[in-house]
Amino acid sequence: PRLFKQQAMVAARSEKASVVKVSAAALSVICFIAFVYVYGNDSANRSELLSPLQVGRYAVRAERQSADYDEKAERQIAFATDNDNAASSERDLAAKEESRARNSAYLAADMKATIDKVLEEGRDQVNQATKLKSKAGHLQEMAAGLLANAKNEKESAAAFKAKYYKTMDDYSKAVDKIDTATRQAQSILDQMNAQSLVLAQIATQYGVATNHGMDPDAAAAVALRQQLQEAQKDLAAITAQKAKADDDTGVARKLADQYQPMIIDAEKDKEDSDFHFQQFAQLTSQADSLQNRADALISRADTIDGLIQSTQLELSNKRKDFEHYKNRAQTEMAISLQAEDKEALLRKQARQARFKAALLSDKARRLRALAQKGVNNVMESTEQIAPA
């Protein structure tokens, strides 16, 4: 733009100077032509008013003026040539910058298409991550519900098991009582059998000593009779203990009979406890499976989040590249348009300079012709005066 402005100022100054000089030269030529034509028909007056020396001076002056016109015309031609060369350079620059702007625009369009594709991929990744996180949250809620149910099943199993063990403890106490009473009864029965044997032996000996009742007062029979009485007392005492032991055994058996429904209920409680514990194990396993699936989904979501961050970085870089190519295309197109405008102006100035050069050349030619005509007229007048 600075070079263009300087060239325009130089052209304007040259044009102004050319106009002034052309005006002065035209005025001189007009005066000369008027003088020649006014006095050309009167040979006497022409011989008095215009001498050959004066005509030569006018001719020289006209030649100088025409040479000046030719020089100015050549300068205009040179100025026009320079402008044409500069316009050609500007045209080449405009074409080059337009081509570069077109390439930059293509790159910007490709980058815009890439950005749209990356945006679409990013939206898909965000949707996938959102779906995975939502599904993982749903699975975690289901797992939490299963764990809550498993906790209830475990508590129920523990309650049934505690009830079963308490019942079994009570029943074991009753069984201990039954076993104790049974052992005592058996012990008393064994004592009764042993005492009965002792009593039978003493009775047998007493029968032999009394000769089967024939001699009850025998000395040996007296001692055996005392032993027999003591044995009978011992057997009676043992028999009395057996009755109490039988009563204790009966009470224990009644207690055992009372505990039978409780044992059945306790076994049912144990079965319920085992069932609830099995349910607890199944629910816990299902909850663990759901949690593992949720963890896998969360891991995939985290991976996609990493891809999303990478996509965001890539998108940022692509947007920077797009802005760079867009700005470069706009700048290059602006340079191309400015070069085209400058080319048009230089072409216009070149045409104007050629037109001015043509005018100056035509003026120089006509000035030389008029000068030559004046000289010819003077020569003819001189030839006509000489014979007279």
Protein backbone atom coordinates (compact mmCIF):
# COMPACT_ATOMS: atom_id res chain seq x y z
CA PRO A 1 0.00 0.00 0.00
CA ARG A 2 2.83 2.46 0.74
CA LEU A 3 4.49 1.78 -2.64
CA PHE A 4 1.12 2.11 -4.34
CA LYS A 5 0.52 5.48 -2.65
CA GLN A 6 3.98 6.78 -3.63
CA GLN A 7 3.43 5.70 -7.24
CA ALA A 8 0.04 7.42 -7.28
CA MET A 9 1.56 10.66 -5.90
CA VAL A 10 4.37 10.59 -8.47
CA ALA A 11 1.87 9.98 -11.26
CA ALA A 12 -0.32 12.84 -10.06
CA ARG A 13 2.64 15.27 -9.91
CA SER A 14 3.87 14.14 -13.36
CA GLU A 15 0.37 14.51 -14.78
CA LYS A 16 0.02 18.03 -13.36
CA ALA A 17 3.42 19.15 -14.71
CA SER A 18 2.63 17.60 -18.10
CA VAL A 19 -0.68 19.45 -18.28
CA VAL A 20 1.03 22.80 -17.48
CA LYS A 21 3.77 22.27 -20.04
CA VAL A 22 1.33 21.06 -22.69
CA SER A 23 -0.84 24.12 -22.09
CA ALA A 24 2.11 26.50 -22.46
CA ALA A 25 3.35 24.75 -25.58
CA ALA A 26 -0.11 24.77 -27.11
CA LEU A 27 -0.42 28.49 -26.42
CA SER A 28 2.91 29.19 -28.14
CA VAL A 29 1.98 27.08 -31.16
CA ILE A 30 -1.41 28.79 -31.46
CA CYS A 31 0.25 32.20 -31.37
CA PHE A 32 2.76 31.11 -33.99
CA ILE A 33 0.10 29.64 -36.28
CA ALA A 34 -2.09 32.72 -35.93
CA PHE A 35 0.82 34.95 -36.78
CA VAL A 36 1.74 32.93 -39.86
CA TYR A 37 -1.80 32.72 -41.22
CA VAL A 38 -2.63 36.34 -40.57
CA TYR A 39 0.38 37.62 -42.48
CA GLY A 40 0.84 34.73 -44.87
CA ASN A 41 -1.21 36.25 -47.74
CA ASP A 42 0.43 39.69 -47.68
CA SER A 43 3.97 39.26 -49.01
CA ALA A 44 4.92 42.87 -48.50
CA ASN A 45 3.88 42.95 -44.89
CA ARG A 46 5.40 39.45 -44.32
CA SER A 47 8.74 40.68 -45.62
CA GLU A 48 8.59 43.55 -43.27
CA LEU A 49 7.24 41.76 -40.16
CA LEU A 50 8.71 38.19 -40.33
CA SER A 51 12.25 37.54 -41.35
CA PRO A 52 13.76 34.12 -42.15
CA LEU A 53 15.74 34.34 -38.92
CA GLN A 54 12.55 34.71 -36.96
CA VAL A 55 10.96 31.85 -38.84
CA GLY A 56 14.03 29.71 -38.01
CA ARG A 57 13.77 30.65 -34.39
CA TYR A 58 10.12 29.65 -34.35
CA ALA A 59 11.02 26.43 -36.05
CA VAL A 60 13.75 25.67 -33.53
CA ARG A 61 11.43 26.54 -30.72
CA ALA A 62 8.76 24.29 -32.19
CA GLU A 63 11.34 21.50 -32.55
CA ARG A 64 12.39 21.90 -28.96
CA GLN A 65 8.79 21.95 -27.85
CA SER A 66 8.02 18.83 -29.88
CA ALA A 67 11.14 17.13 -28.50
CA ASP A 68 9.90 18.01 -25.02
CA TYR A 69 6.56 16.48 -25.90
CA ASP A 70 8.32 13.36 -27.17
CA GLU A 71 10.37 13.13 -23.97
CA LYS A 72 7.26 13.51 -21.85
CA ALA A 73 5.49 10.93 -23.98
CA GLU A 74 8.42 8.53 -23.49
CA ARG A 75 8.24 9.13 -19.75
CA GLN A 76 4.53 8.38 -19.83
CA ILE A 77 5.24 5.23 -21.85
CA ALA A 78 7.93 4.21 -19.33
CA PHE A 79 5.53 4.98 -16.47
CA ALA A 80 2.83 2.92 -18.20
CA THR A 81 5.30 0.06 -18.75
CA ASP A 82 6.36 0.14 -15.11
CA ASN A 83 2.73 0.12 -14.08
CA ASP A 84 2.02 -2.81 -16.41
CA ASN A 85 4.95 -4.73 -14.93
CA ALA A 86 3.81 -3.88 -11.42
CA ALA A 87 0.25 -4.86 -12.36
CA SER A 88 1.55 -8.18 -13.72
CA SER A 89 3.37 -8.75 -10.43
CA GLU A 90 0.22 -7.87 -8.53
CA ARG A 91 -1.77 -10.23 -10.76
CA ASP A 92 0.71 -13.03 -10.04
CA LEU A 93 0.55 -12.18 -6.33
CA ALA A 94 -3.27 -12.16 -6.44
CA ALA A 95 -3.34 -15.53 -8.22
CA LYS A 96 -0.80 -16.98 -5.80
CA GLU A 97 -2.61 -15.67 -2.73
CA GLU A 98 -5.96 -16.79 -4.13
CA SER A 99 -4.55 -20.28 -4.65
CA ARG A 100 -3.11 -20.28 -1.14
CA ALA A 101 -6.42 -18.95 0.23
CA ARG A 102 -8.29 -21.71 -1.62
CA ASN A 103 -5.93 -24.35 -0.20
CA SER A 104 -6.30 -22.85 3.27
CA ALA A 105 -10.07 -22.86 2.85
CA TYR A 106 -9.95 -26.53 1.81
CA LEU A 107 -7.81 -27.29 4.87
CA ALA A 108 -10.23 -25.34 7.08
CA ALA A 109 -13.18 -27.25 5.58
CA ASP A 110 -11.41 -30.57 6.14
CA MET A 111 -10.61 -29.52 9.68
CA LYS A 112 -14.26 -28.52 10.22
CA ALA A 113 -15.36 -31.96 8.97
CA THR A 114 -12.82 -33.57 11.30
CA ILE A 115 -14.09 -31.45 14.20
CA ASP A 116 -17.68 -32.53 13.46
CA LYS A 117 -16.55 -36.16 13.38
CA VAL A 118 -14.62 -35.78 16.65
CA LEU A 119 -17.63 -34.06 18.22
CA GLU A 120 -19.86 -36.93 17.13
CA GLU A 121 -17.40 -39.44 18.56
CA GLY A 122 -17.22 -37.42 21.78
CA ARG A 123 -21.01 -37.35 22.08
CA ASP A 124 -21.14 -41.11 21.52
CA GLN A 125 -18.45 -41.62 24.17
CA VAL A 126 -20.31 -39.40 26.65
CA ASN A 127 -23.57 -41.27 25.97
CA GLN A 128 -21.82 -44.62 26.43
CA ALA A 129 -20.17 -43.50 29.67
CA THR A 130 -23.48 -42.11 30.95
CA LYS A 131 -25.33 -45.34 30.11
CA LEU A 132 -22.60 -47.47 31.70
CA LYS A 133 -22.59 -45.36 34.88
CA SER A 134 -26.39 -45.43 35.04
CA LYS A 135 -26.44 -49.20 34.59
CA ALA A 136 -23.67 -49.60 37.15
CA GLY A 137 -25.65 -47.45 39.61
CA HIS A 138 -28.75 -49.57 39.00
CA LEU A 139 -26.73 -52.76 39.58
CA GLN A 140 -25.25 -51.30 42.76
CA GLU A 141 -28.74 -50.44 44.00
CA MET A 142 -29.87 -53.99 43.24
CA ALA A 143 -26.78 -55.35 45.02
CA ALA A 144 -27.50 -53.13 48.02
CA GLY A 145 -31.09 -54.42 48.10
CA LEU A 146 -29.88 -58.02 47.92
CA LEU A 147 -27.37 -57.37 50.69
CA ALA A 148 -30.14 -55.88 52.83
CA ASN A 149 -32.28 -58.96 52.20
CA ALA A 150 -29.26 -61.15 52.87
CA LYS A 151 -28.74 -59.34 56.17
CA ASN A 152 -32.36 -60.03 57.13
CA GLU A 153 -31.97 -63.69 56.13
CA LYS A 154 -28.80 -63.92 58.18
CA GLU A 155 -30.50 -62.37 61.20
CA SER A 156 -33.45 -64.76 60.80
CA ALA A 157 -31.05 -67.70 60.49
CA ALA A 158 -29.20 -66.57 63.61
CA ALA A 159 -32.49 -66.18 65.54
CA PHE A 160 -33.72 -69.65 64.52
CA LYS A 161 -30.32 -71.15 65.32
CA ALA A 162 -30.23 -69.49 68.76
CA LYS A 163 -33.73 -70.77 69.45
CA TYR A 164 -32.70 -74.25 68.30
CA TYR A 165 -29.60 -74.30 70.50
CA LYS A 166 -31.56 -73.02 73.51
CA THR A 167 -34.17 -75.74 73.04
CA MET A 168 -31.47 -78.36 72.61
CA ASP A 169 -29.72 -77.11 75.73
CA ASP A 170 -32.95 -77.42 77.70
CA TYR A 171 -33.60 -80.83 76.19
CA SER A 172 -30.05 -81.95 76.99
CA LYS A 173 -30.69 -81.00 80.61
CA ALA A 174 -33.84 -83.12 80.58
CA VAL A 175 -31.90 -85.95 78.95
CA ASP A 176 -29.27 -85.63 81.66
CA LYS A 177 -31.99 -85.95 84.27
CA ILE A 178 -33.41 -89.01 82.50
CA ASP A 179 -29.95 -90.56 82.25
CA THR A 180 -29.25 -89.83 85.91
CA ALA A 181 -32.61 -91.30 87.02
CA THR A 182 -32.12 -94.29 84.76
CA ARG A 183 -28.63 -94.89 86.09
CA GLN A 184 -29.88 -94.58 89.65
CA ALA A 185 -32.79 -96.97 88.95
CA GLN A 186 -30.43 -99.42 87.29
CA SER A 187 -28.04 -99.13 90.20
CA ILE A 188 -30.87 -99.78 92.65
CA LEU A 189 -32.07 -102.67 90.51
CA ASP A 190 -28.57 -104.11 90.50
CA GLN A 191 -28.42 -103.71 94.27
CA MET A 192 -31.81 -105.41 94.59
CA ASN A 193 -30.65 -108.31 92.45
CA ALA A 194 -27.43 -108.61 94.42
CA GLN A 195 -29.29 -108.37 97.73
CA SER A 196 -31.83 -110.89 96.47
CA LEU A 197 -28.97 -113.28 95.69
CA VAL A 198 -27.51 -112.66 99.15
CA LEU A 199 -30.92 -113.21 100.69
CA ALA A 200 -31.41 -116.40 98.66
CA GLN A 201 -28.02 -117.72 99.76
CA ILE A 202 -28.72 -116.93 103.42
CA ALA A 203 -32.19 -118.47 103.09
CA THR A 204 -30.66 -121.57 101.56
CA GLN A 205 -28.10 -121.79 104.34
CA TYR A 206 -30.82 -121.16 106.92
CA GLY A 207 -32.93 -124.01 105.45
CA VAL A 208 -29.97 -126.35 105.65
CA ALA A 209 -29.20 -125.23 109.22
CA THR A 210 -32.81 -125.79 110.37
CA ASN A 211 -33.01 -128.99 108.44
CA HIS A 212 -35.70 -127.41 106.37
CA GLY A 213 -37.59 -126.18 109.35
CA MET A 214 -37.23 -129.35 111.38
CA ASP A 215 -34.85 -127.83 113.91
CA PRO A 216 -35.46 -124.10 113.99
CA ASP A 217 -33.63 -123.64 117.25
CA ALA A 218 -30.34 -125.00 116.07
CA ALA A 219 -27.36 -122.89 117.05
CA ALA A 220 -26.31 -122.32 113.42
CA ALA A 221 -29.86 -121.39 112.49
CA VAL A 222 -30.00 -118.65 115.14
CA ALA A 223 -27.05 -116.78 113.58
CA LEU A 224 -28.35 -117.30 110.06
CA ARG A 225 -31.76 -116.13 111.13
CA GLN A 226 -30.29 -112.84 112.25
CA GLN A 227 -28.40 -112.48 108.97
CA LEU A 228 -31.55 -113.36 107.09
CA GLN A 229 -33.49 -110.65 108.92
CA GLU A 230 -30.79 -108.05 108.22
CA ALA A 231 -30.72 -109.09 104.56
CA GLN A 232 -34.47 -108.73 104.38
CA LYS A 233 -34.22 -105.24 105.94
CA ASP A 234 -31.54 -104.27 103.42
CA LEU A 235 -33.66 -105.59 100.56
CA ALA A 236 -36.65 -103.64 101.86
CA ALA A 237 -34.58 -100.49 102.06
CA ILE A 238 -33.28 -101.00 98.53
CA THR A 239 -36.81 -101.74 97.34
CA ALA A 240 -37.95 -98.48 98.89
CA GLN A 241 -35.16 -96.63 96.96
CA LYS A 242 -36.25 -98.36 93.78
CA ALA A 243 -39.74 -96.95 94.15
CA LYS A 244 -38.32 -93.43 94.47
CA ALA A 245 -36.01 -94.06 91.52
CA ASP A 246 -38.95 -95.31 89.48
CA ASP A 247 -40.83 -92.13 90.38
CA ASP A 248 -37.83 -90.01 89.34
CA THR A 249 -37.52 -91.97 86.13
CA GLY A 250 -41.22 -91.47 85.44
CA VAL A 251 -40.91 -87.74 86.01
CA ALA A 252 -37.89 -87.61 83.71
CA ARG A 253 -39.72 -89.56 81.03
CA LYS A 254 -42.69 -87.24 81.32
CA LEU A 255 -40.28 -84.32 80.93
CA ALA A 256 -38.81 -86.00 77.87
CA ASP A 257 -42.28 -86.50 76.46
CA GLN A 258 -42.97 -82.82 77.07
CA TYR A 259 -39.80 -81.89 75.20
CA GLN A 260 -40.62 -84.00 72.14
CA PRO A 261 -42.81 -81.30 70.45
CA MET A 262 -40.19 -78.76 71.41
CA ILE A 263 -37.51 -80.92 69.80
CA ILE A 264 -39.62 -81.18 66.65
CA ASP A 265 -40.04 -77.40 66.66
CA ALA A 266 -36.33 -76.99 67.29
CA GLU A 267 -35.52 -79.22 64.32
CA LYS A 268 -37.89 -77.14 62.24
CA ASP A 269 -36.17 -74.01 63.51
CA LYS A 270 -32.85 -75.55 62.54
CA GLU A 271 -34.17 -76.30 59.07
CA ASP A 272 -35.50 -72.74 58.82
CA SER A 273 -32.14 -71.46 60.02
CA ASP A 274 -30.34 -73.52 57.39
CA PHE A 275 -32.77 -72.32 54.71
CA HIS A 276 -32.36 -68.67 55.67
CA PHE A 277 -28.60 -69.08 55.82
CA GLN A 278 -28.69 -70.66 52.37
CA GLN A 279 -30.80 -67.75 51.17
CA PHE A 280 -28.28 -65.41 52.78
CA ALA A 281 -25.44 -67.15 50.92
CA GLN A 282 -27.30 -67.01 47.59
CA LEU A 283 -28.26 -63.35 48.02
CA THR A 284 -24.71 -62.48 49.03
CA SER A 285 -23.37 -64.31 45.98
CA GLN A 286 -25.86 -62.53 43.71
CA ALA A 287 -24.98 -59.19 45.31
CA ASP A 288 -21.27 -59.88 44.79
CA SER A 289 -21.95 -60.80 41.17
CA LEU A 290 -23.92 -57.60 40.62
CA GLN A 291 -21.22 -55.57 42.34
CA ASN A 292 -18.56 -57.15 40.14
CA ARG A 293 -20.61 -56.31 37.06
CA ALA A 294 -21.06 -52.76 38.36
CA ASP A 295 -17.31 -52.49 38.99
CA ALA A 296 -16.63 -53.72 35.44
CA LEU A 297 -19.06 -51.16 34.04
CA ILE A 298 -17.51 -48.40 36.14
CA SER A 299 -14.07 -49.46 34.92
CA ARG A 300 -15.30 -49.25 31.32
CA ALA A 301 -16.86 -45.87 32.08
CA ASP A 302 -13.55 -44.66 33.54
CA THR A 303 -11.79 -45.86 30.39
CA ILE A 304 -14.31 -43.97 28.26
CA ASP A 305 -13.82 -40.91 30.50
CA GLY A 306 -10.12 -41.10 29.64
CA LEU A 307 -11.05 -41.29 25.96
CA ILE A 308 -13.36 -38.31 26.44
CA GLN A 309 -10.50 -36.27 27.91
CA SER A 310 -8.28 -37.30 25.00
CA THR A 311 -11.06 -36.39 22.58
CA GLN A 312 -11.50 -33.00 24.25
CA LEU A 313 -7.77 -32.32 23.90
CA GLU A 314 -7.84 -33.42 20.27
CA LEU A 315 -10.92 -31.28 19.67
CA SER A 316 -9.20 -28.25 21.20
CA ASN A 317 -6.18 -28.74 18.94
CA LYS A 318 -8.41 -29.23 15.89
CA ARG A 319 -10.30 -26.04 16.69
CA LYS A 320 -7.01 -24.14 16.95
CA ASP A 321 -5.95 -25.54 13.57
CA PHE A 322 -9.34 -24.64 12.09
CA GLU A 323 -9.10 -21.04 13.36
CA HIS A 324 -5.54 -20.85 12.02
CA TYR A 325 -6.52 -22.05 8.54
CA LYS A 326 -9.65 -19.88 8.50
CA ASN A 327 -7.73 -16.74 9.50
CA ARG A 328 -4.98 -17.58 7.03
CA ALA A 329 -7.52 -18.05 4.24
CA GLN A 330 -9.17 -14.71 5.08
CA THR A 331 -5.81 -12.95 5.19
CA GLU A 332 -4.65 -14.51 1.92
CA MET A 333 -7.95 -13.69 0.22
CA ALA A 334 -7.74 -10.11 1.48
CA ILE A 335 -4.21 -9.86 0.06
CA SER A 336 -5.45 -11.34 -3.24
CA LEU A 337 -8.34 -8.85 -3.45
CA GLN A 338 -6.04 -5.97 -2.57
CA ALA A 339 -3.59 -7.11 -5.23
CA GLU A 340 -6.42 -7.31 -7.78
CA ASP A 341 -7.55 -3.79 -6.85
CA LYS A 342 -4.00 -2.54 -7.11
CA GLU A 343 -3.56 -4.31 -10.47
CA ALA A 344 -6.73 -2.64 -11.77
CA LEU A 345 -5.53 0.76 -10.60
CA LEU A 346 -2.07 0.25 -12.13
CA ARG A 347 -3.66 -0.89 -15.40
CA LYS A 348 -5.86 2.20 -15.37
CA GLN A 349 -2.87 4.46 -14.70
CA ALA A 350 -0.94 2.71 -17.48
CA ARG A 351 -3.81 3.27 -19.92
CA GLN A 352 -4.04 6.90 -18.88
CA ALA A 353 -0.28 7.31 -19.26
CA ARG A 354 -0.37 5.75 -22.75
CA PHE A 355 -3.28 7.97 -23.66
CA LYS A 356 -1.34 11.02 -22.45
CA ALA A 357 1.74 9.79 -24.31
CA ALA A 358 -0.36 9.44 -27.45
CA LEU A 359 -1.72 12.96 -26.98
CA LEU A 360 1.78 14.34 -26.44
CA SER A 361 3.14 12.46 -29.43
CA ASP A 362 0.25 13.73 -31.57
CA LYS A 363 0.85 17.30 -30.35
CA ALA A 364 4.57 16.98 -31.11
CA ARG A 365 3.77 15.65 -34.57
CA ARG A 366 1.26 18.41 -35.31
CA LEU A 367 3.64 21.04 -33.89
CA ARG A 368 6.42 19.82 -36.18
CA ALA A 369 4.00 19.81 -39.10
CA LEU A 370 2.89 23.36 -38.39
CA ALA A 371 6.48 24.50 -37.97
CA GLN A 372 7.42 22.81 -41.23
CA LYS A 373 4.42 24.40 -42.91
CA GLY A 374 5.46 27.82 -41.64
CA VAL A 375 8.97 27.30 -42.89
CA ASN A 376 7.63 26.16 -46.26
CA ASN A 377 5.42 29.23 -46.47
CA VAL A 378 8.37 31.49 -45.66
CA MET A 379 10.49 29.73 -48.27
CA GLU A 380 7.76 30.13 -50.88
CA SER A 381 7.31 33.82 -50.03
CA THR A 382 11.06 34.35 -50.26
CA GLU A 383 11.16 32.67 -53.63
CA GLN A 384 8.32 34.87 -54.87
CA ILE A 385 9.98 38.11 -53.59
CA ALA A 386 13.39 37.32 -55.08
CA PRO A 387 12.46 37.64 -58.84
CA ALA A 388 10.55 40.83 -58.19
